[in-house]
Amino acid sequence: MKVRSSLKSLKTRHRDCKIVRRKGVVYVINKVDPRYKAKQG
């Protein structure tokens, strides 16, 4: 999992990426291709 300062750019790289917010931390999750996992905060 990568820790990124900007997750918006990651979301556009794959069409299955979803942005999720849990407990004030923003995550990018992707069930199809897990190498796009990232978190912010």
PDB file of N, CA and C in Angstrom:
ATOM      1  N   MET A   1       0.843  -1.192   0.000  1.00  0.00           N
ATOM      2  CA  MET A   1       0.000   0.000   0.000  1.00  0.00           C
ATOM      3  C   MET A   1       0.878   1.241   0.000  1.00  0.00           C
ATOM      4  N   LYS A   2       0.520   2.183  -0.837  1.00  0.00           N
ATOM      5  CA  LYS A   2       1.266   3.437  -0.906  1.00  0.00           C
ATOM      6  C   LYS A   2       0.577   4.495  -0.049  1.00  0.00           C
ATOM      7  N   VAL A   3       1.366   5.381   0.536  1.00  0.00           N
ATOM      8  CA  VAL A   3       0.840   6.545   1.234  1.00  0.00           C
ATOM      9  C   VAL A   3       1.111   7.744   0.344  1.00  0.00           C
ATOM     10  N   ARG A   4       0.046   8.371  -0.128  1.00  0.00           N
ATOM     11  CA  ARG A   4       0.180   9.431  -1.130  1.00  0.00           C
ATOM     12  C   ARG A   4      -0.342  10.742  -0.589  1.00  0.00           C
ATOM     13  N   SER A   5       0.175  11.841  -1.142  1.00  0.00           N
ATOM     14  CA  SER A   5      -0.331  13.155  -0.759  1.00  0.00           C
ATOM     15  C   SER A   5      -1.540  13.540  -1.593  1.00  0.00           C
ATOM     16  N   SER A   6      -1.677  12.954  -2.783  1.00  0.00           N
ATOM     17  CA  SER A   6      -2.842  13.245  -3.616  1.00  0.00           C
ATOM     18  C   SER A   6      -3.415  11.934  -4.139  1.00  0.00           C
ATOM     19  N   LEU A   7      -4.666  11.634  -3.770  1.00  0.00           N
ATOM     20  CA  LEU A   7      -5.293  10.386  -4.198  1.00  0.00           C
ATOM     21  C   LEU A   7      -6.143  10.575  -5.440  1.00  0.00           C
ATOM     22  N   LYS A   8      -6.408  11.822  -5.786  1.00  0.00           N
ATOM     23  CA  LYS A   8      -7.270  12.068  -6.939  1.00  0.00           C
ATOM     24  C   LYS A   8      -6.633  11.563  -8.230  1.00  0.00           C
ATOM     25  N   SER A   9      -5.298  11.692  -8.314  1.00  0.00           N
ATOM     26  CA  SER A   9      -4.611  11.217  -9.516  1.00  0.00           C
ATOM     27  C   SER A   9      -4.645   9.700  -9.613  1.00  0.00           C
ATOM     28  N   LEU A  10      -4.638   9.026  -8.465  1.00  0.00           N
ATOM     29  CA  LEU A  10      -4.684   7.555  -8.489  1.00  0.00           C
ATOM     30  C   LEU A  10      -6.040   7.041  -8.944  1.00  0.00           C
ATOM     31  N   LYS A  11      -7.084   7.761  -8.579  1.00  0.00           N
ATOM     32  CA  LYS A  11      -8.427   7.290  -8.893  1.00  0.00           C
ATOM     33  C   LYS A  11      -8.661   7.217 -10.401  1.00  0.00           C
ATOM     34  N   THR A  12      -8.019   8.118 -11.136  1.00  0.00           N
ATOM     35  CA  THR A  12      -8.260   8.152 -12.582  1.00  0.00           C
ATOM     36  C   THR A  12      -7.431   7.122 -13.336  1.00  0.00           C
ATOM     37  N   ARG A  13      -6.528   6.432 -12.665  1.00  0.00           N
ATOM     38  CA  ARG A  13      -5.645   5.512 -13.380  1.00  0.00           C
ATOM     39  C   ARG A  13      -6.310   4.182 -13.712  1.00  0.00           C
ATOM     40  N   HIS A  14      -7.355   3.811 -12.969  1.00  0.00           N
ATOM     41  CA  HIS A  14      -8.012   2.522 -13.196  1.00  0.00           C
ATOM     42  C   HIS A  14      -9.494   2.710 -12.973  1.00  0.00           C
ATOM     43  N   ARG A  15     -10.313   2.059 -13.771  1.00  0.00           N
ATOM     44  CA  ARG A  15     -11.746   2.355 -13.679  1.00  0.00           C
ATOM     45  C   ARG A  15     -12.423   1.691 -12.499  1.00  0.00           C
ATOM     46  N   ASP A  16     -11.756   0.736 -11.830  1.00  0.00           N
ATOM     47  CA  ASP A  16     -12.365   0.073 -10.671  1.00  0.00           C
ATOM     48  C   ASP A  16     -11.944   0.682  -9.340  1.00  0.00           C
ATOM     49  N   CYS A  17     -11.176   1.779  -9.377  1.00  0.00           N
ATOM     50  CA  CYS A  17     -10.733   2.408  -8.129  1.00  0.00           C
ATOM     51  C   CYS A  17     -11.900   3.125  -7.459  1.00  0.00           C
ATOM     52  N   LYS A  18     -11.974   2.950  -6.130  1.00  0.00           N
ATOM     53  CA  LYS A  18     -12.990   3.657  -5.355  1.00  0.00           C
ATOM     54  C   LYS A  18     -12.291   4.395  -4.228  1.00  0.00           C
ATOM     55  N   ILE A  19     -12.794   5.590  -3.921  1.00  0.00           N
ATOM     56  CA  ILE A  19     -12.268   6.364  -2.798  1.00  0.00           C
ATOM     57  C   ILE A  19     -13.202   6.178  -1.607  1.00  0.00           C
ATOM     58  N   VAL A  20     -12.641   5.739  -0.484  1.00  0.00           N
ATOM     59  CA  VAL A  20     -13.407   5.433   0.720  1.00  0.00           C
ATOM     60  C   VAL A  20     -12.817   6.237   1.867  1.00  0.00           C
ATOM     61  N   ARG A  21     -13.686   6.730   2.754  1.00  0.00           N
ATOM     62  CA  ARG A  21     -13.211   7.467   3.913  1.00  0.00           C
ATOM     63  C   ARG A  21     -13.589   6.711   5.185  1.00  0.00           C
ATOM     64  N   ARG A  22     -12.580   6.308   5.961  1.00  0.00           N
ATOM     65  CA  ARG A  22     -12.829   5.600   7.216  1.00  0.00           C
ATOM     66  C   ARG A  22     -12.069   6.293   8.342  1.00  0.00           C
ATOM     67  N   LYS A  23     -12.797   6.749   9.349  1.00  0.00           N
ATOM     68  CA  LYS A  23     -12.202   7.367  10.545  1.00  0.00           C
ATOM     69  C   LYS A  23     -11.259   8.510  10.197  1.00  0.00           C
ATOM     70  N   GLY A  24     -11.635   9.298   9.204  1.00  0.00           N
ATOM     71  CA  GLY A  24     -10.827  10.445   8.816  1.00  0.00           C
ATOM     72  C   GLY A  24      -9.642  10.131   7.924  1.00  0.00           C
ATOM     73  N   VAL A  25      -9.462   8.858   7.559  1.00  0.00           N
ATOM     74  CA  VAL A  25      -8.380   8.466   6.654  1.00  0.00           C
ATOM     75  C   VAL A  25      -8.995   8.130   5.304  1.00  0.00           C
ATOM     76  N   VAL A  26      -8.404   8.666   4.239  1.00  0.00           N
ATOM     77  CA  VAL A  26      -8.928   8.439   2.891  1.00  0.00           C
ATOM     78  C   VAL A  26      -8.155   7.282   2.264  1.00  0.00           C
ATOM     79  N   TYR A  27      -8.902   6.307   1.735  1.00  0.00           N
ATOM     80  CA  TYR A  27      -8.287   5.136   1.110  1.00  0.00           C
ATOM     81  C   TYR A  27      -8.719   5.042  -0.343  1.00  0.00           C
ATOM     82  N   VAL A  28      -7.830   4.518  -1.177  1.00  0.00           N
ATOM     83  CA  VAL A  28      -8.212   4.089  -2.521  1.00  0.00           C
ATOM     84  C   VAL A  28      -8.175   2.575  -2.503  1.00  0.00           C
ATOM     85  N   ILE A  29      -9.312   1.939  -2.829  1.00  0.00           N
ATOM     86  CA  ILE A  29      -9.362   0.488  -2.858  1.00  0.00           C
ATOM     87  C   ILE A  29      -9.722   0.030  -4.249  1.00  0.00           C
ATOM     88  N   ASN A  30      -9.188  -1.118  -4.610  1.00  0.00           N
ATOM     89  CA  ASN A  30      -9.417  -1.674  -5.933  1.00  0.00           C
ATOM     90  C   ASN A  30      -9.386  -3.189  -5.814  1.00  0.00           C
ATOM     91  N   LYS A  31     -10.577  -3.821  -5.903  1.00  0.00           N
ATOM     92  CA  LYS A  31     -10.658  -5.270  -5.744  1.00  0.00           C
ATOM     93  C   LYS A  31     -10.018  -6.006  -6.919  1.00  0.00           C
ATOM     94  N   VAL A  32     -10.100  -5.423  -8.125  1.00  0.00           N
ATOM     95  CA  VAL A  32      -9.636  -6.107  -9.324  1.00  0.00           C
ATOM     96  C   VAL A  32      -8.110  -6.106  -9.395  1.00  0.00           C
ATOM     97  N   ASP A  33      -7.502  -4.957  -9.087  1.00  0.00           N
ATOM     98  CA  ASP A  33      -6.052  -4.828  -9.185  1.00  0.00           C
ATOM     99  C   ASP A  33      -5.511  -4.210  -7.897  1.00  0.00           C
ATOM    100  N   PRO A  34      -5.131  -5.020  -6.912  1.00  0.00           N
ATOM    101  CA  PRO A  34      -4.800  -4.501  -5.574  1.00  0.00           C
ATOM    102  C   PRO A  34      -3.549  -3.628  -5.520  1.00  0.00           C
ATOM    103  N   ARG A  35      -2.791  -3.518  -6.598  1.00  0.00           N
ATOM    104  CA  ARG A  35      -1.592  -2.683  -6.517  1.00  0.00           C
ATOM    105  C   ARG A  35      -1.929  -1.200  -6.493  1.00  0.00           C
ATOM    106  N   TYR A  36      -3.183  -0.848  -6.715  1.00  0.00           N
ATOM    107  CA  TYR A  36      -3.591   0.561  -6.634  1.00  0.00           C
ATOM    108  C   TYR A  36      -4.036   0.963  -5.238  1.00  0.00           C
ATOM    109  N   LYS A  37      -3.884   0.087  -4.250  1.00  0.00           N
ATOM    110  CA  LYS A  37      -4.264   0.451  -2.890  1.00  0.00           C
ATOM    111  C   LYS A  37      -3.421   1.626  -2.403  1.00  0.00           C
ATOM    112  N   ALA A  38      -4.070   2.584  -1.769  1.00  0.00           N
ATOM    113  CA  ALA A  38      -3.327   3.729  -1.221  1.00  0.00           C
ATOM    114  C   ALA A  38      -4.114   4.326  -0.070  1.00  0.00           C
ATOM    115  N   LYS A  39      -3.405   5.085   0.770  1.00  0.00           N
ATOM    116  CA  LYS A  39      -4.102   5.785   1.842  1.00  0.00           C
ATOM    117  C   LYS A  39      -3.524   7.159   2.031  1.00  0.00           C
ATOM    118  N   GLN A  40      -4.339   8.030   2.634  1.00  0.00           N
ATOM    119  CA  GLN A  40      -3.954   9.416   2.875  1.00  0.00           C
ATOM    120  C   GLN A  40      -4.483   9.827   4.230  1.00  0.00           C
ATOM    121  N   GLY A  41      -3.616  10.448   5.054  1.00  0.00           N
ATOM    122  CA  GLY A  41      -4.055  10.920   6.353  1.00  0.00           C
ATOM    123  C   GLY A  41      -3.747   9.976   7.493  1.00  0.00           C
TER     124      GLY A  41
END
